[in-house]
Amino acid sequence: MTSHFLVLDAGTGSGRAVIFDRQGNQVGVAQEEWRHLPEAGVPGSMAFDVEGGWALLNRCIGKALAACGLTGAAIAGVCSTSMREAIVLYGEDGHEVWACANVDSRAGAEVAELKAKGPDYERDFYLISGETFALGALPRLNWLRKHRPEIWARVRKLSMVNDWIAARLTGEITVEPTNGSTNGLMDLARRDWSDTLINRAGLDRSLFPRVVEPGAVVGHVTAAAARETGLLPGTPVIAGGGDVQLGSVGMGVLDLADTGVIGGTFWQQVVNIPSGAVDATMRVRVNSAAVAAMNQAEAISFFVGLTARWFRDAFCAEEKRAAVAQGRDAYELMEDLAMQVPVGAHGIIPIYSDAMDFGRWYHAAPSLLNLSLDPERCSKGAIFRAIQENAAIVAAENLDRVSAFAGTPTSGPLILGGGAAKGRLWPQILADVTGREVRIPVVREATALGAAAAIATGLGQFATLPEAARAFVRIDRSVAPQPANRQAYDDARARWREAYAAQKALVDHGITTSMWRAPGS
């Protein structure tokens, strides 16, 4: 009996197979890490290994099925999700000829060349697509045209990585608009390819396959794919989406003005906005939402989870050892220390991610300012609390930028997912800094759950994707803001703005090195 759903998730650092029952409960998972290797002699390149990646996903399918005592015959439908921006190119026979991961940054010179076409050239693309050139497909395609013409001559179709999984399963090359919109060649108002942008880019319209909506049936598992995966031939394959957009669905961010914060290695702040709306200042990214007829404004805070991990590994060896001995997470013990520190962390100012400025996107050098030689005021707990507070401050700055152009409310609840939602202190800090209630779903890692909702929709179990998500998503707890802390955090935000501008000036003058700079910035 086909009683379960299978989600295949191709993330930046790993591939996963996740199995759900028809009620949206996760019952099995298998995951393996992968690496995206540079191409010899190509600085900044990060190729995506399609053969190795497909073999890894097949192993994960087998392990996940075995873990919950199922066979492929139990799978009613399959859906895929993936890292965004990564592209796969196909030849005449439908086989892959070239692919790169989302972290590929080989095309910095090509980004600069596009920007040099005129002051409004990039803006014209952004006003239609919601994307700048920094993460888009066009600079990479131009790099390929220039440096690998023999490969470019073979290219006949383009897709994103989640669509590549569906193509491997069904033989049908399609693109869905959530991840597709991150390549910068789609029309946000139409949720389809932009003939205007494709023509301006000098590309052939035939490169761009038909668009299918999340929750629509792409095709069915072929006999060849069935032999590789262990699934039954004919199993329906349902269109999924980009990891952030499906993660939003899996958190319950479904209606206009709904707001989510996905707190992982990067923090994404996402807000559902009307279709077609973009930011005239080009500071905020806009993508197609997984729910039809809506866009999703997205601001990205860089390396937030990575900063916390760096501090843990560099300075908290004692807490790591104690965590092992006590059977706890080291971050819990670090939060225990941070809770003993007053709001404002004794004035420590972390300099890591800037608020998002998509059109001129770079960061200051990683720094900790205003430290004290008093060990009571500059302890591990104080620095870790400052790092947590800073993440919430940058998130608040980003959400204010979205509100400024989209007119979204600044007082509604925030849905918090990802690793940050597991903490006791971090959700409270986010509530206090923003002055908004923070709601934490039962399922913290929501991307796969959003894909499961897409499967349920595609199979007719629910009429719409939001209906499926409302049935699957449950709130675990809510955190109310503490008004007494608001003024202290407002003051801290003001100091951070001034300090960050000064630190970026040091980068501008070549004194310090940017933590990260977008290609061409």
Protein backbone atom coordinates (compact mmCIF):
# COMPACT_ATOMS: atom_id res chain seq x y z
CA MET A 1 0.00 0.00 0.00
CA THR A 2 1.32 3.43 -0.92
CA SER A 3 1.23 4.91 2.55
CA HIS A 4 4.17 7.31 2.71
CA PHE A 5 5.85 10.31 1.08
CA LEU A 6 9.52 10.58 0.09
CA VAL A 7 11.33 13.92 0.06
CA LEU A 8 14.77 14.25 -1.53
CA ASP A 9 16.71 17.27 -0.25
CA ALA A 10 19.92 18.38 -1.98
CA GLY A 11 21.35 20.92 0.45
CA THR A 12 24.56 22.89 0.24
CA GLY A 13 26.43 20.51 2.53
CA SER A 14 24.54 17.24 2.29
CA GLY A 15 21.89 15.18 0.56
CA ARG A 16 18.97 13.67 2.45
CA ALA A 17 16.06 11.34 1.98
CA VAL A 18 13.19 11.99 4.39
CA ILE A 19 10.09 9.83 4.73
CA PHE A 20 6.75 11.09 6.05
CA ASP A 21 3.43 9.41 6.69
CA ARG A 22 0.27 10.86 5.20
CA GLN A 23 -0.37 12.94 8.33
CA GLY A 24 2.92 14.81 7.89
CA ASN A 25 4.85 12.97 10.59
CA GLN A 26 8.51 12.30 9.81
CA VAL A 27 9.19 8.58 10.20
CA GLY A 28 12.59 8.06 8.59
CA VAL A 29 15.63 9.98 7.40
CA ALA A 30 19.07 9.26 5.99
CA GLN A 31 21.71 11.85 5.22
CA GLU A 32 25.22 11.95 3.80
CA GLU A 33 27.54 14.93 3.50
CA TRP A 34 28.96 15.95 0.16
CA ARG A 35 31.53 18.44 -1.03
CA HIS A 36 31.50 20.70 -4.06
CA LEU A 37 34.99 20.62 -5.52
CA PRO A 38 36.72 23.41 -7.44
CA GLU A 39 37.58 22.95 -11.08
CA ALA A 40 41.31 22.94 -11.70
CA GLY A 41 42.59 26.37 -12.62
CA VAL A 42 39.25 28.12 -12.07
CA PRO A 43 39.35 30.38 -8.98
CA GLY A 44 36.10 30.48 -7.03
CA SER A 45 34.61 27.51 -8.87
CA MET A 46 32.48 24.91 -7.10
CA ALA A 47 31.25 22.20 -9.42
CA PHE A 48 28.23 20.07 -8.62
CA ASP A 49 28.92 16.36 -9.14
CA VAL A 50 25.72 15.06 -10.72
CA GLU A 51 26.79 11.41 -10.85
CA GLY A 52 28.20 11.35 -7.33
CA GLY A 53 25.23 13.34 -6.02
CA TRP A 54 22.71 11.01 -7.63
CA ALA A 55 24.46 7.94 -6.22
CA LEU A 56 24.47 9.55 -2.77
CA LEU A 57 20.75 10.31 -2.92
CA ASN A 58 20.03 6.74 -3.98
CA ARG A 59 21.97 5.43 -0.98
CA CYS A 60 19.99 7.74 1.26
CA ILE A 61 16.70 6.47 -0.19
CA GLY A 62 17.70 2.89 0.61
CA LYS A 63 18.84 3.75 4.13
CA ALA A 64 15.74 5.79 4.91
CA LEU A 65 13.39 3.08 3.71
CA ALA A 66 15.28 0.45 5.69
CA ALA A 67 15.27 2.61 8.82
CA CYS A 68 11.48 2.58 8.96
CA GLY A 69 10.96 -0.93 7.61
CA LEU A 70 9.51 0.10 4.26
CA THR A 71 10.14 -0.71 0.63
CA GLY A 72 9.70 1.46 -2.43
CA ALA A 73 6.21 0.05 -2.84
CA ALA A 74 5.12 2.10 0.20
CA ILE A 75 5.95 5.43 -1.43
CA ALA A 76 2.89 7.22 -2.77
CA GLY A 77 4.77 10.22 -4.15
CA VAL A 78 8.18 11.88 -4.34
CA CYS A 79 9.17 15.53 -4.14
CA SER A 80 12.53 17.30 -4.30
CA THR A 81 13.96 20.42 -2.74
CA SER A 82 17.45 21.87 -2.92
CA MET A 83 19.92 24.64 -2.41
CA ARG A 84 19.07 27.61 -4.56
CA GLU A 85 21.00 29.37 -7.34
CA ALA A 86 22.80 26.15 -8.34
CA ILE A 87 22.19 25.28 -12.00
CA VAL A 88 22.35 22.15 -14.14
CA LEU A 89 22.76 22.28 -17.93
CA TYR A 90 21.68 19.47 -20.26
CA GLY A 91 22.55 18.35 -23.78
CA GLU A 92 20.33 17.27 -26.67
CA ASP A 93 19.86 13.78 -25.18
CA GLY A 94 18.73 15.14 -21.80
CA HIS A 95 21.95 14.16 -20.03
CA GLU A 96 23.82 16.67 -17.90
CA VAL A 97 26.80 18.41 -19.49
CA TRP A 98 27.70 20.92 -16.75
CA ALA A 99 26.56 21.88 -13.23
CA CYS A 100 27.66 24.17 -10.44
CA ALA A 101 26.75 24.52 -6.78
CA ASN A 102 25.19 27.61 -5.22
CA VAL A 103 28.52 28.61 -3.65
CA ASP A 104 30.21 28.81 -7.06
CA SER A 105 31.74 32.28 -7.47
CA ARG A 106 33.81 31.87 -10.64
CA ALA A 107 31.95 34.60 -12.52
CA GLY A 108 33.06 37.74 -10.66
CA ALA A 109 34.52 39.26 -13.83
CA GLU A 110 31.33 38.49 -15.74
CA VAL A 111 29.24 40.19 -13.04
CA ALA A 112 31.46 43.27 -13.35
CA GLU A 113 31.10 43.21 -17.14
CA LEU A 114 27.31 43.13 -16.87
CA LYS A 115 27.26 45.98 -14.36
CA ALA A 116 29.52 48.00 -16.68
CA LYS A 117 26.85 47.96 -19.41
CA GLY A 118 25.28 51.00 -17.76
CA PRO A 119 24.03 52.36 -14.44
CA ASP A 120 20.53 51.00 -14.98
CA TYR A 121 21.36 47.66 -16.63
CA GLU A 122 21.31 45.58 -13.45
CA ARG A 123 18.36 47.56 -12.10
CA ASP A 124 16.34 46.70 -15.22
CA PHE A 125 16.91 43.01 -14.52
CA TYR A 126 16.12 43.44 -10.82
CA LEU A 127 12.82 45.24 -11.40
CA ILE A 128 11.53 42.23 -13.34
CA SER A 129 13.29 39.35 -11.57
CA GLY A 130 13.92 40.58 -8.02
CA GLU A 131 17.53 39.42 -8.39
CA THR A 132 20.85 41.15 -8.85
CA PHE A 133 23.63 39.56 -10.87
CA ALA A 134 25.60 38.45 -7.79
CA LEU A 135 23.88 35.06 -7.40
CA GLY A 136 22.23 34.72 -10.80
CA ALA A 137 22.66 32.30 -13.66
CA LEU A 138 23.55 34.83 -16.36
CA PRO A 139 27.14 35.56 -15.23
CA ARG A 140 27.85 31.83 -14.97
CA LEU A 141 26.39 31.21 -18.42
CA ASN A 142 28.52 34.05 -19.77
CA TRP A 143 31.57 32.52 -18.12
CA LEU A 144 30.80 29.22 -19.81
CA ARG A 145 30.28 30.88 -23.19
CA LYS A 146 33.65 32.62 -22.84
CA HIS A 147 35.82 29.95 -21.20
CA ARG A 148 34.21 26.61 -22.16
CA PRO A 149 32.72 27.20 -25.63
CA GLU A 150 32.93 23.50 -26.46
CA ILE A 151 30.63 22.72 -23.51
CA TRP A 152 28.37 25.68 -24.24
CA ALA A 153 27.83 24.46 -27.78
CA ARG A 154 26.25 21.28 -26.37
CA VAL A 155 23.84 23.01 -23.95
CA ARG A 156 20.15 22.72 -24.79
CA LYS A 157 18.30 23.07 -21.45
CA LEU A 158 18.76 24.62 -18.00
CA SER A 159 17.26 23.72 -14.64
CA MET A 160 17.85 24.14 -10.93
CA VAL A 161 19.10 21.27 -8.74
CA ASN A 162 15.71 20.28 -7.29
CA ASP A 163 14.38 20.13 -10.87
CA TRP A 164 17.40 18.00 -11.80
CA ILE A 165 16.32 15.41 -9.22
CA ALA A 166 12.85 15.37 -10.74
CA ALA A 167 14.40 15.02 -14.21
CA ARG A 168 16.49 12.07 -13.07
CA LEU A 169 13.35 10.41 -11.74
CA THR A 170 10.99 11.16 -14.63
CA GLY A 171 13.05 12.08 -17.70
CA GLU A 172 11.13 15.39 -17.79
CA ILE A 173 13.21 18.58 -17.56
CA THR A 174 11.08 21.28 -15.95
CA VAL A 175 11.58 24.24 -13.62
CA GLU A 176 9.37 25.40 -10.78
CA PRO A 177 9.25 29.14 -10.02
CA THR A 178 10.52 29.31 -6.43
CA ASN A 179 14.05 28.12 -7.10
CA GLY A 180 13.80 29.13 -10.75
CA SER A 181 13.28 32.74 -9.72
CA THR A 182 16.65 32.75 -7.94
CA ASN A 183 18.48 32.50 -11.28
CA GLY A 184 17.45 36.03 -12.23
CA LEU A 185 15.77 35.33 -15.57
CA MET A 186 12.15 34.94 -14.46
CA ASP A 187 9.34 37.46 -14.35
CA LEU A 188 8.08 37.65 -10.77
CA ALA A 189 4.74 39.07 -11.82
CA ARG A 190 4.06 36.11 -14.13
CA ARG A 191 5.91 33.29 -12.34
CA ASP A 192 7.36 32.33 -15.71
CA TRP A 193 10.44 32.98 -17.80
CA SER A 194 10.95 36.58 -18.88
CA ASP A 195 11.32 36.82 -22.64
CA THR A 196 12.51 40.40 -22.14
CA LEU A 197 15.41 39.40 -19.89
CA ILE A 198 16.30 36.33 -21.93
CA ASN A 199 16.51 38.47 -25.07
CA ARG A 200 18.62 41.13 -23.32
CA ALA A 201 20.94 38.37 -22.12
CA GLY A 202 21.39 37.10 -25.67
CA LEU A 203 20.15 33.64 -24.79
CA ASP A 204 17.98 31.23 -26.75
CA ARG A 205 14.45 30.90 -25.35
CA SER A 206 14.57 27.15 -26.01
CA LEU A 207 17.07 26.76 -23.15
CA PHE A 208 14.32 27.39 -20.64
CA PRO A 209 11.90 24.51 -20.01
CA ARG A 210 8.24 24.61 -19.08
CA VAL A 211 7.39 25.92 -15.63
CA VAL A 212 5.40 23.78 -13.18
CA GLU A 213 4.04 25.01 -9.86
CA PRO A 214 5.00 23.47 -6.50
CA GLY A 215 2.51 20.72 -5.76
CA ALA A 216 1.91 19.88 -9.43
CA VAL A 217 2.76 16.46 -10.86
CA VAL A 218 5.91 16.67 -13.00
CA GLY A 219 5.83 13.08 -14.21
CA HIS A 220 6.31 9.53 -12.98
CA VAL A 221 9.28 7.42 -11.98
CA THR A 222 10.71 5.71 -15.05
CA ALA A 223 11.72 2.07 -15.18
CA ALA A 224 15.40 3.08 -15.24
CA ALA A 225 15.01 5.38 -12.21
CA ALA A 226 13.07 2.66 -10.41
CA ARG A 227 16.01 0.29 -10.78
CA GLU A 228 18.37 2.91 -9.35
CA THR A 229 16.18 4.12 -6.48
CA GLY A 230 14.20 1.08 -5.43
CA LEU A 231 10.95 2.96 -6.06
CA LEU A 232 8.11 1.54 -8.11
CA PRO A 233 7.85 2.54 -11.77
CA GLY A 234 5.00 4.98 -12.22
CA THR A 235 5.30 6.56 -8.77
CA PRO A 236 4.17 10.21 -9.10
CA VAL A 237 6.87 12.88 -8.84
CA ILE A 238 5.60 16.23 -7.59
CA ALA A 239 7.27 19.60 -8.13
CA GLY A 240 8.96 20.94 -5.04
CA GLY A 241 11.00 24.10 -4.69
CA GLY A 242 13.87 26.02 -3.20
CA ASP A 243 14.81 25.12 0.33
CA VAL A 244 13.89 28.49 1.85
CA GLN A 245 10.53 28.78 0.10
CA LEU A 246 9.49 25.23 1.00
CA GLY A 247 10.89 25.81 4.48
CA SER A 248 8.54 28.77 4.75
CA VAL A 249 5.61 26.50 3.88
CA GLY A 250 6.82 23.97 6.46
CA MET A 251 6.87 26.72 9.10
CA GLY A 252 3.36 27.96 8.29
CA VAL A 253 4.39 31.20 6.51
CA LEU A 254 1.45 31.03 4.11
CA ASP A 255 -0.49 34.30 3.91
CA LEU A 256 0.35 37.86 2.87
CA ALA A 257 2.55 39.60 5.48
CA ASP A 258 3.36 36.30 7.24
CA THR A 259 6.96 36.51 8.42
CA GLY A 260 9.52 33.82 9.12
CA VAL A 261 13.07 33.69 10.38
CA ILE A 262 15.03 30.60 9.41
CA GLY A 263 17.91 30.45 11.86
CA GLY A 264 20.64 28.23 10.46
CA THR A 265 24.18 28.75 9.13
CA PHE A 266 22.70 31.78 7.37
CA TRP A 267 19.62 33.47 8.77
CA GLN A 268 16.93 34.17 6.22
CA GLN A 269 14.22 36.66 7.07
CA VAL A 270 11.27 36.05 4.73
CA VAL A 271 8.04 38.01 4.32
CA ASN A 272 5.17 37.17 1.99
CA ILE A 273 4.36 40.21 -0.17
CA PRO A 274 2.09 40.88 -3.16
CA SER A 275 3.12 39.42 -6.50
CA GLY A 276 5.31 41.73 -8.53
CA ALA A 277 6.49 43.97 -5.68
CA VAL A 278 10.23 44.69 -5.59
CA ASP A 279 12.46 47.04 -3.60
CA ALA A 280 13.28 50.30 -5.43
CA THR A 281 16.48 50.58 -3.36
CA MET A 282 17.60 47.08 -4.47
CA ARG A 283 18.58 46.26 -0.89
CA VAL A 284 16.28 43.24 -0.48
CA ARG A 285 15.98 40.14 -2.61
CA VAL A 286 12.55 39.09 -3.93
CA ASN A 287 11.66 35.56 -5.06
CA SER A 288 8.52 33.70 -6.04
CA ALA A 289 6.84 32.23 -2.97
CA ALA A 290 5.84 28.57 -2.98
CA VAL A 291 2.23 29.68 -2.56
CA ALA A 292 0.93 30.91 -5.92
CA ALA A 293 0.15 34.60 -6.52
CA MET A 294 2.65 35.80 -3.90
CA ASN A 295 6.23 36.93 -3.85
CA GLN A 296 8.56 36.49 -0.94
CA ALA A 297 10.90 39.25 0.17
CA GLU A 298 14.06 37.74 1.57
CA ALA A 299 16.91 39.28 3.47
CA ILE A 300 19.94 37.19 4.37
CA SER A 301 22.14 37.48 7.44
CA PHE A 302 25.49 35.90 6.67
CA PHE A 303 27.21 33.17 8.70
CA VAL A 304 25.10 33.57 11.86
CA GLY A 305 25.15 29.90 12.81
CA LEU A 306 28.75 29.65 11.64
CA THR A 307 29.70 32.51 13.97
CA ALA A 308 28.12 30.72 16.92
CA ARG A 309 29.92 27.51 15.94
CA TRP A 310 33.23 29.36 15.60
CA PHE A 311 32.87 30.76 19.11
CA ARG A 312 31.95 27.33 20.48
CA ASP A 313 34.91 25.60 18.85
CA ALA A 314 37.47 28.34 19.51
CA PHE A 315 36.61 29.30 23.08
CA CYS A 316 34.22 26.78 24.65
CA ALA A 317 36.19 23.52 24.83
CA GLU A 318 35.21 23.24 28.51
CA GLU A 319 31.51 23.47 27.67
CA LYS A 320 31.91 20.93 24.88
CA ARG A 321 33.49 18.43 27.27
CA ALA A 322 30.83 19.06 29.89
CA ALA A 323 28.08 18.64 27.32
CA VAL A 324 29.37 15.20 26.38
CA ALA A 325 29.57 14.19 30.04
CA GLN A 326 26.04 15.46 30.78
CA GLY A 327 24.43 14.25 27.57
CA ARG A 328 23.52 17.82 26.57
CA ASP A 329 24.21 20.15 23.68
CA ALA A 330 27.18 22.49 24.16
CA TYR A 331 25.04 25.40 23.01
CA GLU A 332 22.71 24.79 25.97
CA LEU A 333 25.62 25.25 28.36
CA MET A 334 26.75 28.35 26.47
CA GLU A 335 23.26 29.79 26.81
CA ASP A 336 23.36 29.02 30.54
CA LEU A 337 26.36 31.35 30.73
CA ALA A 338 24.74 33.97 28.49
CA MET A 339 21.62 34.05 30.66
CA GLN A 340 23.73 35.29 33.56
CA VAL A 341 24.69 38.38 31.53
CA PRO A 342 22.45 41.48 31.48
CA VAL A 343 20.65 42.72 28.37
CA GLY A 344 23.12 44.50 26.10
CA ALA A 345 26.03 42.19 26.98
CA HIS A 346 27.95 44.99 28.71
CA GLY A 347 28.09 46.99 25.48
CA ILE A 348 30.03 44.46 23.38
CA ILE A 349 29.43 45.14 19.67
CA PRO A 350 29.89 42.16 17.32
CA ILE A 351 30.72 42.97 13.71
CA TYR A 352 29.81 40.06 11.46
CA SER A 353 26.93 40.20 8.95
CA ASP A 354 25.66 43.53 7.74
CA ALA A 355 21.99 44.13 7.07
CA MET A 356 21.26 43.12 3.50
CA ASP A 357 22.13 45.46 0.64
CA PHE A 358 21.62 43.29 -2.44
CA GLY A 359 22.80 45.90 -4.92
CA ARG A 360 26.10 46.56 -3.09
CA TRP A 361 26.57 43.46 -1.03
CA TYR A 362 29.64 43.10 1.15
CA HIS A 363 30.46 42.89 4.84
CA ALA A 364 32.99 44.33 7.25
CA ALA A 365 35.83 42.27 8.72
CA PRO A 366 34.73 39.97 11.57
CA SER A 367 35.36 41.85 14.80
CA LEU A 368 34.33 42.23 18.44
CA LEU A 369 34.30 45.87 19.54
CA ASN A 370 34.12 47.54 22.94
CA LEU A 371 35.60 44.64 24.87
CA SER A 372 36.64 45.10 28.48
CA LEU A 373 39.64 43.83 30.40
CA ASP A 374 37.28 43.10 33.28
CA PRO A 375 36.68 39.33 33.07
CA GLU A 376 33.23 39.75 34.61
CA ARG A 377 32.20 42.08 31.80
CA CYS A 378 34.01 40.25 29.01
CA SER A 379 33.38 36.60 29.78
CA LYS A 380 32.45 33.74 27.49
CA GLY A 381 28.84 34.22 28.47
CA ALA A 382 28.96 37.95 27.67
CA ILE A 383 30.48 37.44 24.22
CA PHE A 384 28.09 34.63 23.33
CA ARG A 385 25.11 36.72 24.44
CA ALA A 386 26.42 39.60 22.33
CA ILE A 387 26.63 37.28 19.30
CA GLN A 388 23.04 36.16 19.86
CA GLU A 389 21.82 39.72 20.34
CA ASN A 390 23.63 40.83 17.22
CA ALA A 391 21.89 38.16 15.12
CA ALA A 392 18.53 39.46 16.33
CA ILE A 393 19.55 43.08 15.66
CA VAL A 394 20.53 42.31 12.05
CA ALA A 395 17.29 40.35 11.58
CA ALA A 396 15.30 43.34 12.87
CA GLU A 397 17.17 45.69 10.54
CA ASN A 398 16.40 43.42 7.60
CA LEU A 399 12.73 43.11 8.46
CA ASP A 400 12.47 46.89 8.71
CA ARG A 401 13.93 47.15 5.19
CA VAL A 402 11.27 44.80 3.86
CA SER A 403 8.54 46.75 5.62
CA ALA A 404 9.86 50.01 4.17
CA PHE A 405 9.22 48.98 0.55
CA ALA A 406 6.45 46.39 0.89
CA GLY A 407 4.40 48.10 3.60
CA THR A 408 4.13 44.93 5.65
CA PRO A 409 3.14 45.17 9.34
CA THR A 410 5.98 45.29 11.88
CA SER A 411 3.94 43.97 14.79
CA GLY A 412 2.73 40.52 13.77
CA PRO A 413 4.22 37.26 15.02
CA LEU A 414 7.49 35.85 13.72
CA ILE A 415 7.78 32.14 12.98
CA LEU A 416 11.25 30.93 13.97
CA GLY A 417 12.71 27.72 12.53
CA GLY A 418 16.13 26.14 12.16
CA GLY A 419 18.77 25.50 14.77
CA ALA A 420 18.25 28.82 16.55
CA ALA A 421 14.71 27.74 17.47
CA LYS A 422 16.10 24.99 19.68
CA GLY A 423 17.53 27.47 22.15
CA ARG A 424 15.90 28.93 25.23
CA LEU A 425 17.58 32.33 25.09
CA TRP A 426 17.85 33.10 21.37
CA PRO A 427 14.07 33.11 20.69
CA GLN A 428 13.55 35.41 23.67
CA ILE A 429 16.22 37.82 22.45
CA LEU A 430 14.64 37.86 18.97
CA ALA A 431 11.24 38.64 20.51
CA ASP A 432 12.69 41.41 22.68
CA VAL A 433 14.72 43.06 19.90
CA THR A 434 11.84 43.06 17.39
CA GLY A 435 9.03 43.58 19.89
CA ARG A 436 7.15 40.73 18.22
CA GLU A 437 5.82 37.41 19.45
CA VAL A 438 8.00 34.51 18.30
CA ARG A 439 6.27 31.23 17.47
CA ILE A 440 8.27 28.03 17.19
CA PRO A 441 6.86 25.09 15.22
CA VAL A 442 7.16 21.51 16.41
CA VAL A 443 9.21 20.70 13.29
CA ARG A 444 12.24 23.01 13.38
CA GLU A 445 13.82 21.76 10.11
CA ALA A 446 10.83 22.67 8.00
CA THR A 447 12.01 22.35 4.39
CA ALA A 448 11.27 18.65 4.07
CA LEU A 449 7.88 19.14 5.74
CA GLY A 450 7.02 21.78 3.14
CA ALA A 451 7.94 19.29 0.42
CA ALA A 452 5.73 16.67 2.08
CA ALA A 453 2.86 19.18 1.93
CA ALA A 454 3.57 19.58 -1.79
CA ILE A 455 3.30 15.80 -2.26
CA ALA A 456 0.01 15.67 -0.38
CA THR A 457 -1.30 18.45 -2.62
CA GLY A 458 -0.12 16.78 -5.81
CA LEU A 459 -1.77 13.51 -4.85
CA GLY A 460 -5.10 15.24 -4.15
CA GLN A 461 -5.07 14.70 -0.40
CA PHE A 462 -5.53 18.48 -0.07
CA ALA A 463 -6.89 20.99 -2.54
CA THR A 464 -4.11 23.55 -2.11
CA LEU A 465 -0.59 23.80 -0.73
CA PRO A 466 -1.65 26.14 2.12
CA GLU A 467 -4.40 23.70 3.11
CA ALA A 468 -1.85 20.87 3.31
CA ALA A 469 0.60 23.03 5.29
CA ARG A 470 -2.05 24.07 7.81
CA ALA A 471 -2.80 20.39 8.40
CA PHE A 472 0.88 19.47 8.86
CA VAL A 473 2.37 22.46 10.73
CA ARG A 474 1.90 22.64 14.49
CA ILE A 475 3.22 25.30 16.88
CA ASP A 476 5.24 23.99 19.80
CA ARG A 477 5.57 27.16 21.87
CA SER A 478 5.33 30.93 21.75
CA VAL A 479 7.67 33.53 23.24
CA ALA A 480 6.30 36.96 24.15
CA PRO A 481 8.53 40.05 24.02
CA GLN A 482 9.55 41.67 27.29
CA PRO A 483 8.85 45.40 26.84
CA ALA A 484 11.29 46.33 29.61
CA ASN A 485 14.19 45.24 27.37
CA ARG A 486 13.15 47.15 24.25
CA GLN A 487 14.91 50.46 24.96
CA ALA A 488 18.22 48.76 25.75
CA TYR A 489 18.06 46.87 22.47
CA ASP A 490 17.05 49.97 20.51
CA ASP A 491 20.14 51.69 21.91
CA ALA A 492 22.28 48.67 21.01
CA ARG A 493 20.93 48.75 17.44
CA ALA A 494 21.85 52.41 17.09
CA ARG A 495 25.41 51.79 18.34
CA TRP A 496 25.76 48.80 16.00
CA ARG A 497 24.72 50.86 12.96
CA GLU A 498 27.36 53.50 13.70
CA ALA A 499 30.05 50.94 14.48
CA TYR A 500 29.31 48.85 11.38
CA ALA A 501 29.55 51.83 9.05
CA ALA A 502 32.95 52.67 10.51
CA GLN A 503 34.13 49.08 10.10
CA LYS A 504 33.02 48.99 6.44
CA ALA A 505 35.01 52.15 5.88
CA LEU A 506 38.11 50.27 7.03
CA VAL A 507 37.38 47.63 4.38
CA ASP A 508 36.86 50.36 1.78
CA HIS A 509 40.30 51.78 2.59
CA GLY A 510 42.02 48.39 2.42
CA ILE A 511 42.83 48.31 6.14
CA THR A 512 40.76 45.21 6.89
CA THR A 513 39.38 42.35 4.78
CA SER A 514 35.68 41.86 4.11
CA MET A 515 34.13 38.76 5.67
CA TRP A 516 32.35 38.16 2.34
CA ARG A 517 31.85 40.15 -0.83
CA ALA A 518 29.36 39.32 -3.57
CA PRO A 519 30.89 38.64 -7.00
CA GLY A 520 31.33 41.94 -8.80
CA SER A 521 30.76 44.08 -5.68
